PDB file of N, CA and C in Angstrom:
ATOM      1  N   UNK A   1     -17.347  -8.952 -43.658  1.00  0.00           N
ATOM      2  CA  UNK A   1     -16.145  -9.098 -42.798  1.00  0.00           C
ATOM      3  C   UNK A   1     -16.084  -9.179 -41.214  1.00  0.00           C
ATOM      4  N   UNK A   2     -15.248  -9.961 -40.762  1.00  0.00           N
ATOM      5  CA  UNK A   2     -15.679 -10.320 -39.742  1.00  0.00           C
ATOM      6  C   UNK A   2     -15.278  -9.320 -38.581  1.00  0.00           C
ATOM      7  N   UNK A   3     -16.128  -9.419 -37.544  1.00  0.00           N
ATOM      8  CA  UNK A   3     -15.877  -8.300 -36.596  1.00  0.00           C
ATOM      9  C   UNK A   3     -16.083  -8.981 -34.908  1.00  0.00           C
ATOM     10  N   UNK A   4     -15.117  -8.466 -34.275  1.00  0.00           N
ATOM     11  CA  UNK A   4     -15.132  -9.203 -32.673  1.00  0.00           C
ATOM     12  C   UNK A   4     -15.202  -7.649 -31.654  1.00  0.00           C
ATOM     13  N   UNK A   5     -16.065  -7.622 -30.759  1.00  0.00           N
ATOM     14  CA  UNK A   5     -16.300  -6.360 -30.270  1.00  0.00           C
ATOM     15  C   UNK A   5     -15.350  -5.888 -29.412  1.00  0.00           C
ATOM     16  N   UNK A   6     -14.214  -6.782 -29.016  1.00  0.00           N
ATOM     17  CA  UNK A   6     -13.078  -6.502 -28.098  1.00  0.00           C
ATOM     18  C   UNK A   6     -12.314  -6.055 -29.439  1.00  0.00           C
ATOM     19  N   UNK A   7     -11.889  -6.103 -30.318  1.00  0.00           N
ATOM     20  CA  UNK A   7     -10.861  -5.616 -30.865  1.00  0.00           C
ATOM     21  C   UNK A   7     -11.086  -4.150 -31.105  1.00  0.00           C
ATOM     22  N   UNK A   8     -12.446  -3.587 -31.436  1.00  0.00           N
ATOM     23  CA  UNK A   8     -12.566  -2.238 -31.435  1.00  0.00           C
ATOM     24  C   UNK A   8     -12.162  -1.619 -29.847  1.00  0.00           C
ATOM     25  N   UNK A   9     -12.571  -2.167 -28.963  1.00  0.00           N
ATOM     26  CA  UNK A   9     -12.129  -1.892 -27.609  1.00  0.00           C
ATOM     27  C   UNK A   9     -10.854  -1.630 -27.403  1.00  0.00           C
ATOM     28  N   UNK A  10      -9.965  -2.766 -27.763  1.00  0.00           N
ATOM     29  CA  UNK A  10      -8.466  -2.816 -27.529  1.00  0.00           C
ATOM     30  C   UNK A  10      -7.764  -1.796 -28.512  1.00  0.00           C
ATOM     31  N   UNK A  11      -8.509  -1.531 -29.748  1.00  0.00           N
ATOM     32  CA  UNK A  11      -7.806  -0.458 -30.548  1.00  0.00           C
ATOM     33  C   UNK A  11      -8.092   0.736 -29.915  1.00  0.00           C
ATOM     34  N   UNK A  12      -9.168   1.119 -29.266  1.00  0.00           N
ATOM     35  CA  UNK A  12      -9.348   2.600 -28.765  1.00  0.00           C
ATOM     36  C   UNK A  12      -8.257   2.884 -27.199  1.00  0.00           C
ATOM     37  N   UNK A  13      -8.319   1.598 -26.604  1.00  0.00           N
ATOM     38  CA  UNK A  13      -7.580   1.604 -25.232  1.00  0.00           C
ATOM     39  C   UNK A  13      -5.889   1.999 -25.890  1.00  0.00           C
ATOM     40  N   UNK A  14      -5.601   1.278 -27.143  1.00  0.00           N
ATOM     41  CA  UNK A  14      -4.037   1.480 -27.482  1.00  0.00           C
ATOM     42  C   UNK A  14      -4.010   2.450 -28.487  1.00  0.00           C
ATOM     43  N   UNK A  15      -5.128   3.133 -28.679  1.00  0.00           N
ATOM     44  CA  UNK A  15      -5.107   4.674 -29.501  1.00  0.00           C
ATOM     45  C   UNK A  15      -4.545   4.299 -31.014  1.00  0.00           C
ATOM     46  N   UNK A  16      -5.150   2.791 -31.635  1.00  0.00           N
ATOM     47  CA  UNK A  16      -4.672   2.732 -32.863  1.00  0.00           C
ATOM     48  C   UNK A  16      -6.331   2.919 -33.722  1.00  0.00           C
ATOM     49  N   UNK A  17      -5.867   3.610 -34.827  1.00  0.00           N
ATOM     50  CA  UNK A  17      -6.818   3.777 -35.867  1.00  0.00           C
ATOM     51  C   UNK A  17      -6.793   2.648 -36.857  1.00  0.00           C
ATOM     52  N   UNK A  18      -7.851   1.657 -36.752  1.00  0.00           N
ATOM     53  CA  UNK A  18      -7.901   0.211 -37.510  1.00  0.00           C
ATOM     54  C   UNK A  18      -9.071   0.526 -38.825  1.00  0.00           C
ATOM     55  N   UNK A  19      -8.313   0.185 -39.708  1.00  0.00           N
ATOM     56  CA  UNK A  19      -9.317   0.197 -41.247  1.00  0.00           C
ATOM     57  C   UNK A  19      -9.176  -1.199 -41.722  1.00  0.00           C
ATOM     58  N   UNK A  20     -10.016  -1.420 -42.285  1.00  0.00           N
ATOM     59  CA  UNK A  20     -10.594  -2.866 -43.299  1.00  0.00           C
ATOM     60  C   UNK A  20      -9.665  -4.329 -42.921  1.00  0.00           C
ATOM     61  N   UNK A  21      -8.425  -3.990 -43.871  1.00  0.00           N
ATOM     62  CA  UNK A  21      -7.614  -4.991 -43.727  1.00  0.00           C
ATOM     63  C   UNK A  21      -6.847  -5.160 -42.159  1.00  0.00           C
ATOM     64  N   UNK A  22      -6.717  -4.373 -41.705  1.00  0.00           N
ATOM     65  CA  UNK A  22      -6.179  -4.416 -40.173  1.00  0.00           C
ATOM     66  C   UNK A  22      -7.105  -4.844 -39.365  1.00  0.00           C
ATOM     67  N   UNK A  23      -8.002  -4.459 -39.035  1.00  0.00           N
ATOM     68  CA  UNK A  23      -9.377  -4.867 -38.579  1.00  0.00           C
ATOM     69  C   UNK A  23      -9.622  -6.412 -38.677  1.00  0.00           C
ATOM     70  N   UNK A  24      -9.596  -6.864 -39.839  1.00  0.00           N
ATOM     71  CA  UNK A  24      -9.732  -7.971 -40.257  1.00  0.00           C
ATOM     72  C   UNK A  24      -8.698  -9.097 -39.543  1.00  0.00           C
ATOM     73  N   UNK A  25      -7.761  -8.569 -39.813  1.00  0.00           N
ATOM     74  CA  UNK A  25      -6.590  -9.084 -39.594  1.00  0.00           C
ATOM     75  C   UNK A  25      -6.574  -9.425 -38.095  1.00  0.00           C
ATOM     76  N   UNK A  26      -6.593  -8.281 -37.052  1.00  0.00           N
ATOM     77  CA  UNK A  26      -6.255  -8.466 -36.092  1.00  0.00           C
ATOM     78  C   UNK A  26      -7.751  -9.202 -35.524  1.00  0.00           C
ATOM     79  N   UNK A  27      -8.799  -9.191 -35.961  1.00  0.00           N
ATOM     80  CA  UNK A  27      -9.827  -9.923 -35.546  1.00  0.00           C
ATOM     81  C   UNK A  27      -9.539 -11.635 -35.606  1.00  0.00           C
ATOM     82  N   UNK A  28      -9.032 -11.594 -36.705  1.00  0.00           N
ATOM     83  CA  UNK A  28      -8.422 -13.100 -36.817  1.00  0.00           C
ATOM     84  C   UNK A  28      -7.676 -13.624 -35.989  1.00  0.00           C
ATOM     85  N   UNK A  29      -6.371 -12.694 -35.645  1.00  0.00           N
ATOM     86  CA  UNK A  29      -5.614 -13.244 -34.691  1.00  0.00           C
ATOM     87  C   UNK A  29      -5.834 -13.029 -33.233  1.00  0.00           C
ATOM     88  N   UNK A  30      -6.828 -12.135 -32.839  1.00  0.00           N
ATOM     89  CA  UNK A  30      -7.266 -12.247 -31.605  1.00  0.00           C
ATOM     90  C   UNK A  30      -8.173 -13.628 -31.264  1.00  0.00           C
ATOM     91  N   UNK A  31      -9.241 -13.558 -32.585  1.00  0.00           N
ATOM     92  CA  UNK A  31      -9.799 -14.932 -32.340  1.00  0.00           C
ATOM     93  C   UNK A  31      -8.948 -16.491 -32.061  1.00  0.00           C
ATOM     94  N   UNK A  32      -7.565 -16.465 -32.738  1.00  0.00           N
ATOM     95  CA  UNK A  32      -6.794 -17.313 -32.576  1.00  0.00           C
ATOM     96  C   UNK A  32      -6.364 -17.456 -31.233  1.00  0.00           C
ATOM     97  N   UNK A  33      -6.126 -16.226 -30.723  1.00  0.00           N
ATOM     98  CA  UNK A  33      -5.303 -16.164 -29.269  1.00  0.00           C
ATOM     99  C   UNK A  33      -6.636 -16.887 -28.268  1.00  0.00           C
ATOM    100  N   UNK A  34      -7.684 -16.105 -28.361  1.00  0.00           N
ATOM    101  CA  UNK A  34      -8.830 -16.623 -27.824  1.00  0.00           C
ATOM    102  C   UNK A  34      -9.210 -18.392 -27.895  1.00  0.00           C
ATOM    103  N   UNK A  35      -8.946 -18.782 -28.899  1.00  0.00           N
ATOM    104  CA  UNK A  35      -9.255 -20.184 -29.062  1.00  0.00           C
ATOM    105  C   UNK A  35      -7.680 -21.011 -28.530  1.00  0.00           C
ATOM    106  N   UNK A  36      -6.779 -20.277 -28.589  1.00  0.00           N
ATOM    107  CA  UNK A  36      -5.682 -20.972 -27.700  1.00  0.00           C
ATOM    108  C   UNK A  36      -5.613 -21.006 -26.333  1.00  0.00           C
ATOM    109  N   UNK A  37      -6.229 -20.083 -25.778  1.00  0.00           N
ATOM    110  CA  UNK A  37      -6.656 -19.775 -24.163  1.00  0.00           C
ATOM    111  C   UNK A  37      -7.513 -20.946 -24.057  1.00  0.00           C
ATOM    112  N   UNK A  38      -8.634 -20.814 -24.626  1.00  0.00           N
ATOM    113  CA  UNK A  38      -9.408 -22.160 -24.602  1.00  0.00           C
ATOM    114  C   UNK A  38      -8.813 -23.307 -24.202  1.00  0.00           C
ATOM    115  N   UNK A  39      -7.844 -23.784 -25.156  1.00  0.00           N
ATOM    116  CA  UNK A  39      -7.309 -25.005 -25.095  1.00  0.00           C
ATOM    117  C   UNK A  39      -6.155 -25.115 -24.205  1.00  0.00           C
ATOM    118  N   UNK A  40      -6.068 -24.448 -23.724  1.00  0.00           N
ATOM    119  CA  UNK A  40      -5.272 -24.217 -22.398  1.00  0.00           C
ATOM    120  C   UNK A  40      -6.063 -24.414 -21.202  1.00  0.00           C
ATOM    121  N   UNK A  41      -7.505 -23.830 -21.046  1.00  0.00           N
ATOM    122  CA  UNK A  41      -7.949 -24.087 -19.994  1.00  0.00           C
ATOM    123  C   UNK A  41      -8.516 -25.379 -19.659  1.00  0.00           C
ATOM    124  N   UNK A  42      -8.394 -26.293 -20.763  1.00  0.00           N
ATOM    125  CA  UNK A  42      -8.775 -27.953 -21.000  1.00  0.00           C
ATOM    126  C   UNK A  42      -7.623 -28.637 -20.325  1.00  0.00           C
ATOM    127  N   UNK A  43      -6.409 -28.170 -20.138  1.00  0.00           N
ATOM    128  CA  UNK A  43      -5.266 -29.199 -19.662  1.00  0.00           C
ATOM    129  C   UNK A  43      -5.714 -29.497 -18.386  1.00  0.00           C
ATOM    130  N   UNK A  44      -5.391 -30.399 -17.952  1.00  0.00           N
ATOM    131  CA  UNK A  44      -5.131 -30.801 -16.395  1.00  0.00           C
ATOM    132  C   UNK A  44      -4.337 -30.575 -15.590  1.00  0.00           C
ATOM    133  N   UNK A  45      -4.511 -29.508 -14.852  1.00  0.00           N
ATOM    134  CA  UNK A  45      -2.998 -28.781 -13.909  1.00  0.00           C
ATOM    135  C   UNK A  45      -3.194 -28.847 -12.569  1.00  0.00           C
ATOM    136  N   UNK A  46      -3.740 -30.240 -12.249  1.00  0.00           N
ATOM    137  CA  UNK A  46      -4.234 -30.437 -10.641  1.00  0.00           C
ATOM    138  C   UNK A  46      -2.699 -30.928 -10.117  1.00  0.00           C
ATOM    139  N   UNK A  47      -1.744 -31.201 -10.781  1.00  0.00           N
ATOM    140  CA  UNK A  47      -0.397 -31.796 -10.231  1.00  0.00           C
ATOM    141  C   UNK A  47       0.463 -30.441 -10.216  1.00  0.00           C
ATOM    142  N   UNK A  48       0.021 -29.502 -10.835  1.00  0.00           N
ATOM    143  CA  UNK A  48       0.834 -28.228 -10.744  1.00  0.00           C
ATOM    144  C   UNK A  48       0.523 -27.490  -9.439  1.00  0.00           C
ATOM    145  N   UNK A  49       2.040 -26.851  -8.883  1.00  0.00           N
ATOM    146  CA  UNK A  49       1.661 -25.979  -7.826  1.00  0.00           C
ATOM    147  C   UNK A  49       1.572 -24.779  -8.132  1.00  0.00           C
ATOM    148  N   UNK A  50       0.821 -23.695  -7.224  1.00  0.00           N
ATOM    149  CA  UNK A  50       0.632 -22.646  -7.823  1.00  0.00           C
ATOM    150  C   UNK A  50       1.814 -21.802  -7.507  1.00  0.00           C
ATOM    151  N   UNK A  51       1.654 -20.802  -8.565  1.00  0.00           N
ATOM    152  CA  UNK A  51       3.077 -20.011  -8.485  1.00  0.00           C
ATOM    153  C   UNK A  51       3.089 -19.137  -7.689  1.00  0.00           C
ATOM    154  N   UNK A  52       4.451 -18.278  -7.512  1.00  0.00           N
ATOM    155  CA  UNK A  52       4.495 -17.038  -6.221  1.00  0.00           C
ATOM    156  C   UNK A  52       5.599 -16.476  -7.102  1.00  0.00           C
ATOM    157  N   UNK A  53       5.688 -15.334  -6.364  1.00  0.00           N
ATOM    158  CA  UNK A  53       6.508 -14.354  -6.891  1.00  0.00           C
ATOM    159  C   UNK A  53       7.954 -14.802  -6.056  1.00  0.00           C
ATOM    160  N   UNK A  54       8.948 -15.028  -6.938  1.00  0.00           N
ATOM    161  CA  UNK A  54      10.151 -15.567  -6.394  1.00  0.00           C
ATOM    162  C   UNK A  54      10.994 -15.054  -5.299  1.00  0.00           C
ATOM    163  N   UNK A  55      10.831 -13.552  -5.577  1.00  0.00           N
ATOM    164  CA  UNK A  55      11.601 -12.846  -4.204  1.00  0.00           C
ATOM    165  C   UNK A  55      10.558 -12.236  -2.946  1.00  0.00           C
ATOM    166  N   UNK A  56      10.961 -12.633  -1.919  1.00  0.00           N
ATOM    167  CA  UNK A  56      10.133 -12.115  -0.716  1.00  0.00           C
ATOM    168  C   UNK A  56      11.156 -12.146   0.365  1.00  0.00           C
ATOM    169  N   UNK A  57      10.768 -11.503   1.317  1.00  0.00           N
ATOM    170  CA  UNK A  57      11.386 -11.427   2.603  1.00  0.00           C
ATOM    171  C   UNK A  57      11.678 -12.878   3.225  1.00  0.00           C
ATOM    172  N   UNK A  58      10.437 -13.741   3.118  1.00  0.00           N
ATOM    173  CA  UNK A  58      10.773 -15.074   4.101  1.00  0.00           C
ATOM    174  C   UNK A  58      11.322 -15.943   3.033  1.00  0.00           C
ATOM    175  N   UNK A  59      11.404 -15.739   1.932  1.00  0.00           N
ATOM    176  CA  UNK A  59      12.255 -16.443   0.913  1.00  0.00           C
ATOM    177  C   UNK A  59      13.052 -15.677  -0.363  1.00  0.00           C
ATOM    178  N   UNK A  60      13.924 -15.312   0.208  1.00  0.00           N
ATOM    179  CA  UNK A  60      14.983 -14.636  -1.026  1.00  0.00           C
ATOM    180  C   UNK A  60      15.376 -15.607  -1.968  1.00  0.00           C
ATOM    181  N   UNK A  61      15.008 -15.573  -3.026  1.00  0.00           N
ATOM    182  CA  UNK A  61      16.033 -16.564  -4.032  1.00  0.00           C
ATOM    183  C   UNK A  61      16.805 -16.010  -4.718  1.00  0.00           C
ATOM    184  N   UNK A  62      16.930 -14.320  -4.540  1.00  0.00           N
ATOM    185  CA  UNK A  62      18.059 -13.465  -5.214  1.00  0.00           C
ATOM    186  C   UNK A  62      18.481 -12.925  -3.902  1.00  0.00           C
ATOM    187  N   UNK A  63      20.072 -13.081  -3.388  1.00  0.00           N
ATOM    188  CA  UNK A  63      20.313 -12.573  -2.581  1.00  0.00           C
ATOM    189  C   UNK A  63      20.713 -11.176  -2.624  1.00  0.00           C
ATOM    190  N   UNK A  64      19.944 -10.003  -1.613  1.00  0.00           N
ATOM    191  CA  UNK A  64      19.812  -9.010  -1.877  1.00  0.00           C
ATOM    192  C   UNK A  64      20.912  -8.088  -0.683  1.00  0.00           C
ATOM    193  N   UNK A  65      21.554  -7.233  -1.457  1.00  0.00           N
ATOM    194  CA  UNK A  65      22.499  -6.404  -0.119  1.00  0.00           C
ATOM    195  C   UNK A  65      21.864  -5.240   0.012  1.00  0.00           C
ATOM    196  N   UNK A  66      22.239  -4.889   1.477  1.00  0.00           N
ATOM    197  CA  UNK A  66      21.749  -3.664   1.853  1.00  0.00           C
ATOM    198  C   UNK A  66      22.413  -2.345   1.017  1.00  0.00           C
ATOM    199  N   UNK A  67      21.225  -1.710   0.948  1.00  0.00           N
ATOM    200  CA  UNK A  67      21.897  -0.060   0.621  1.00  0.00           C
ATOM    201  C   UNK A  67      22.817   0.574   1.309  1.00  0.00           C
ATOM    202  N   UNK A  68      24.018   0.802   0.465  1.00  0.00           N
ATOM    203  CA  UNK A  68      25.144   1.464   1.212  1.00  0.00           C
ATOM    204  C   UNK A  68      25.335   2.954   0.397  1.00  0.00           C
ATOM    205  N   UNK A  69      25.617   3.875   1.052  1.00  0.00           N
ATOM    206  CA  UNK A  69      25.756   5.280   0.666  1.00  0.00           C
ATOM    207  C   UNK A  69      27.106   5.285   0.108  1.00  0.00           C
ATOM    208  N   UNK A  70      27.364   5.491  -1.019  1.00  0.00           N
ATOM    209  CA  UNK A  70      28.702   5.877  -1.583  1.00  0.00           C
ATOM    210  C   UNK A  70      28.896   6.742  -2.491  1.00  0.00           C
ATOM    211  N   UNK A  71      29.931   6.954  -2.862  1.00  0.00           N
ATOM    212  CA  UNK A  71      30.074   8.159  -4.148  1.00  0.00           C
ATOM    213  C   UNK A  71      29.703   7.999  -5.408  1.00  0.00           C
ATOM    214  N   UNK A  72      28.911   9.049  -6.045  1.00  0.00           N
ATOM    215  CA  UNK A  72      28.590   8.292  -7.225  1.00  0.00           C
ATOM    216  C   UNK A  72      29.520   8.819  -8.056  1.00  0.00           C
ATOM    217  N   UNK A  73      29.331   8.169  -9.561  1.00  0.00           N
ATOM    218  CA  UNK A  73      30.510   8.570 -10.853  1.00  0.00           C
ATOM    219  C   UNK A  73      30.489   9.973 -11.019  1.00  0.00           C
ATOM    220  N   UNK A  74      31.593  10.561 -10.933  1.00  0.00           N
ATOM    221  CA  UNK A  74      31.793  12.158 -11.632  1.00  0.00           C
ATOM    222  C   UNK A  74      31.205  12.298 -12.807  1.00  0.00           C
ATOM    223  N   UNK A  75      30.427  13.261 -13.365  1.00  0.00           N
ATOM    224  CA  UNK A  75      29.583  13.438 -14.361  1.00  0.00           C
ATOM    225  C   UNK A  75      30.485  13.593 -15.575  1.00  0.00           C
ATOM    226  N   UNK A  76      32.022  14.272 -15.195  1.00  0.00           N
ATOM    227  CA  UNK A  76      32.749  14.110 -16.367  1.00  0.00           C
ATOM    228  C   UNK A  76      33.177  12.694 -16.850  1.00  0.00           C
ATOM    229  N   UNK A  77      33.461  11.711 -15.949  1.00  0.00           N
ATOM    230  CA  UNK A  77      33.654  10.192 -16.300  1.00  0.00           C
ATOM    231  C   UNK A  77      32.511   9.545 -16.935  1.00  0.00           C
ATOM    232  N   UNK A  78      31.135  10.007 -16.664  1.00  0.00           N
ATOM    233  CA  UNK A  78      30.057   9.512 -17.179  1.00  0.00           C
ATOM    234  C   UNK A  78      29.790   9.954 -18.696  1.00  0.00           C
ATOM    235  N   UNK A  79      29.950  11.212 -18.965  1.00  0.00           N
ATOM    236  CA  UNK A  79      29.864  11.871 -19.825  1.00  0.00           C
ATOM    237  C   UNK A  79      30.912  11.472 -20.953  1.00  0.00           C
ATOM    238  N   UNK A  80      32.148  11.158 -20.501  1.00  0.00           N
ATOM    239  CA  UNK A  80      33.282  10.951 -21.292  1.00  0.00           C
ATOM    240  C   UNK A  80      32.869   9.639 -22.014  1.00  0.00           C
ATOM    241  N   UNK A  81      32.111   8.732 -21.717  1.00  0.00           N
ATOM    242  CA  UNK A  81      31.753   7.296 -22.565  1.00  0.00           C
ATOM    243  C   UNK A  81      30.602   7.723 -23.654  1.00  0.00           C
ATOM    244  N   UNK A  82      30.086   8.773 -23.421  1.00  0.00           N
ATOM    245  CA  UNK A  82      28.888   8.971 -24.511  1.00  0.00           C
ATOM    246  C   UNK A  82      29.498   9.455 -25.961  1.00  0.00           C
ATOM    247  N   UNK A  83      29.042   8.983 -26.976  1.00  0.00           N
ATOM    248  CA  UNK A  83      29.165   9.110 -28.363  1.00  0.00           C
ATOM    249  C   UNK A  83      29.147  10.821 -28.721  1.00  0.00           C
ATOM    250  N   UNK A  84      28.576  11.241 -28.004  1.00  0.00           N
ATOM    251  CA  UNK A  84      28.149  12.759 -28.314  1.00  0.00           C
ATOM    252  C   UNK A  84      27.983  13.475 -27.037  1.00  0.00           C
ATOM    253  N   UNK A  85      28.337  14.618 -26.988  1.00  0.00           N
ATOM    254  CA  UNK A  85      28.298  15.324 -25.864  1.00  0.00           C
ATOM    255  C   UNK A  85      27.557  17.076 -26.101  1.00  0.00           C
ATOM    256  N   UNK A  86      27.015  17.263 -25.260  1.00  0.00           N
ATOM    257  CA  UNK A  86      26.286  18.376 -25.405  1.00  0.00           C
ATOM    258  C   UNK A  86      27.230  19.135 -24.227  1.00  0.00           C
ATOM    259  N   UNK A  87      26.389  20.924 -24.521  1.00  0.00           N
ATOM    260  CA  UNK A  87      27.300  21.813 -23.495  1.00  0.00           C
ATOM    261  C   UNK A  87      27.091  21.196 -22.212  1.00  0.00           C
ATOM    262  N   UNK A  88      27.933  21.885 -21.342  1.00  0.00           N
ATOM    263  CA  UNK A  88      28.080  21.844 -20.039  1.00  0.00           C
ATOM    264  C   UNK A  88      27.977  20.222 -19.422  1.00  0.00           C
ATOM    265  N   UNK A  89      28.896  19.584 -20.247  1.00  0.00           N
ATOM    266  CA  UNK A  89      28.896  18.097 -19.570  1.00  0.00           C
ATOM    267  C   UNK A  89      27.702  17.053 -19.680  1.00  0.00           C
ATOM    268  N   UNK A  90      27.035  17.559 -20.654  1.00  0.00           N
ATOM    269  CA  UNK A  90      25.423  16.954 -20.913  1.00  0.00           C
ATOM    270  C   UNK A  90      25.573  15.767 -21.615  1.00  0.00           C
ATOM    271  N   UNK A  91      24.678  14.743 -21.724  1.00  0.00           N
ATOM    272  CA  UNK A  91      24.644  13.543 -22.704  1.00  0.00           C
ATOM    273  C   UNK A  91      23.969  14.403 -23.860  1.00  0.00           C
ATOM    274  N   UNK A  92      24.113  13.964 -25.179  1.00  0.00           N
ATOM    275  CA  UNK A  92      23.382  14.784 -26.147  1.00  0.00           C
ATOM    276  C   UNK A  92      22.979  13.376 -26.992  1.00  0.00           C
ATOM    277  N   UNK A  93      21.333  13.445 -27.291  1.00  0.00           N
ATOM    278  CA  UNK A  93      20.670  12.074 -27.473  1.00  0.00           C
ATOM    279  C   UNK A  93      19.800  12.423 -28.815  1.00  0.00           C
ATOM    280  N   UNK A  94      19.630  11.425 -29.546  1.00  0.00           N
ATOM    281  CA  UNK A  94      18.495  11.899 -30.541  1.00  0.00           C
ATOM    282  C   UNK A  94      17.460  12.348 -30.136  1.00  0.00           C
ATOM    283  N   UNK A  95      16.813  13.186 -31.016  1.00  0.00           N
ATOM    284  CA  UNK A  95      15.379  13.798 -30.688  1.00  0.00           C
ATOM    285  C   UNK A  95      14.283  12.683 -30.778  1.00  0.00           C
ATOM    286  N   UNK A  96      13.515  12.437 -30.071  1.00  0.00           N
ATOM    287  CA  UNK A  96      12.480  11.507 -30.274  1.00  0.00           C
ATOM    288  C   UNK A  96      11.139  11.850 -30.373  1.00  0.00           C
ATOM    289  N   UNK A  97      10.733  13.410 -29.952  1.00  0.00           N
ATOM    290  CA  UNK A  97       9.394  13.805 -29.872  1.00  0.00           C
ATOM    291  C   UNK A  97       9.714  14.968 -31.260  1.00  0.00           C
ATOM    292  N   UNK A  98       8.593  14.950 -32.175  1.00  0.00           N
ATOM    293  CA  UNK A  98       8.614  16.151 -33.314  1.00  0.00           C
ATOM    294  C   UNK A  98       8.267  17.310 -32.773  1.00  0.00           C
TER     295      UNK A  98
END
């Protein structure tokens, strides 16, 4: 069975319980990812400009509007769009935690 020390560490951090085939499959996939990253390292990137975050105060690429205080949507109007309503004008959603 193939083994890679990082697979166990990643599984622990992700709270995964890996067994047999899953560990082998993920080890293979992890090694393929590392091989691909090694290939990317070999690419000559001297002509490429470094990246930067697109939105800064000095260079806003997305126009930002100033925050303005205004009336919010009334609760009745918001809940009216909900497919199911709970008591006291509340949204009713499916349970996600057992």
